[in-house]
Amino acid sequence: MKAISGIDVGGTAIKMGLVSDQGAVLSKTSIPYDPRKSFEDLVESVCGSIQSLLSSQKADLKAIGISTPGYAEPGTGILIDGANNVPVLQGQSLPGALGRRFGLPAFIDNDGTCAATGELLFGAGRTFRNFVLITLGTGIGGGVVINRQPVTGREGQPPEIGAICLDPDGPVNYSGVPGSFERLACASGFVELYRKFGGRGDERMTAQGIFRRAGQGDPAAESAIDQEGRYIAQAFGVMINLLNLEACIIGGGISAAGQPLLDAVRKHLPSFTWPRLYRHARVVLAQHGNDAAIIGAAAMASQRLVSK
C-alpha cells in the first residue's frame, strides 16, 4: 500500500499521519513539541514516529508533506518567517532533513494553506467556491480559497489572517500589530479573557477547560466564550465583506468545542457583516477537525509530485 506522510507542526504538538490518495488518514500519531529540544532532536523524533506508522500499516511511503506556521522559501524549504510558536524551526529546512533521511521527495507549506487545501479537497469546503478556513490553537492560522484555489502571494506567501487588527488600542503582538486576531483569540487569549472576567484556574487552564466550565454554568467562562465569539465573528465579517465568502470554516484544536463555539460566533456575525452578504454566508466546523492540516499537507505533496 502506498501512502504519503502528512506532518503538522504546531506550538504544542507535532501530529503525523499516513494519508491515502483519497484523503483518508490510514493511521496517525503525535508527539509533544518541546521548545527545549534541538532541531536535530525534533528530526529524530519525527523520523521515529513515521517509521513506527509505516511498520504498523505495512505501507510504502512515496512522499512527505509538511505543514508549519509561517513561510518557507520554496526552493530550500527553510522557514524564514512566522516561527514564533516553533522557534527551533527558524532558519531550518525540515523537508530537507526528512527528505535526506527517507530518500524521498519532501515538501513544506503554511499550516493554514494546508488545512484549507485538506478541507477544499476532502472536507467541509468541497461544496463551496469561496471560503476561508481558520485554525484556532496555540496561534491562529488560516487559508483563503477563491474559485476553488487557495490564495497565496507571488512566491507562495500565505495570507496572515491572524494579523487582522481587531482593536487598534489592544495589546501589541510579537510583530508589532495592535489588537491582532491571533493575540486576542488564540488559546492563551481565551485563558486571559477568562481570568479578566474573574475566572479561577492555575497555569494549566486551557481553552477546552473554559468550554467545560461554561457547560457547568461558570459565568466567567460564559462571558469569555461570548467575547471570543465576537472577536472571531468580527474577523469573519471583515473577510466576508471583502471577498463575498460563502463559508467560514473553523478548524484547529479549539474547534473541538463544537456547537458552543459555533453558537458564540454565529450570534455576533450579523453585527459585522453586510446584510445581503450575511444571508449567503455560513459558519461551519472543519470536517476533519485537527486532522485537516495533516490531510492537506499530504494532498499538497501529492500535487507537487505530479507537477515536478
Foldseek 3Di string as FASTA:
>chain_A
DEWEKFWEDFLFKIKIFTADPLLDGPDIDMDTQDLVDAPVVVLVVVVVRVVVRCVVVVYDYAEYFYEYAAAAQQPQQQGDDGCPSPVNRHRHRSQVSNCVVVVHHYGYAYLQLLLVQLCCRRWDNVVWQWEKEWAAEQFIDIWTGHRSRTDADPRRGGDRLQLDAPDCPAPADPVGRHRGLGVCQHFVNLVVQLVVLPHDDDPPDTLVNLLVVVVVPDVSSVVSLLVSLQSVLQSVQVCCQVPLGQEYEYAHDSCVSPPSNLVSNVVNNVVRHDVVSVVRYYYYYIGVHNCSSRSSSRNVGVVVVVVD
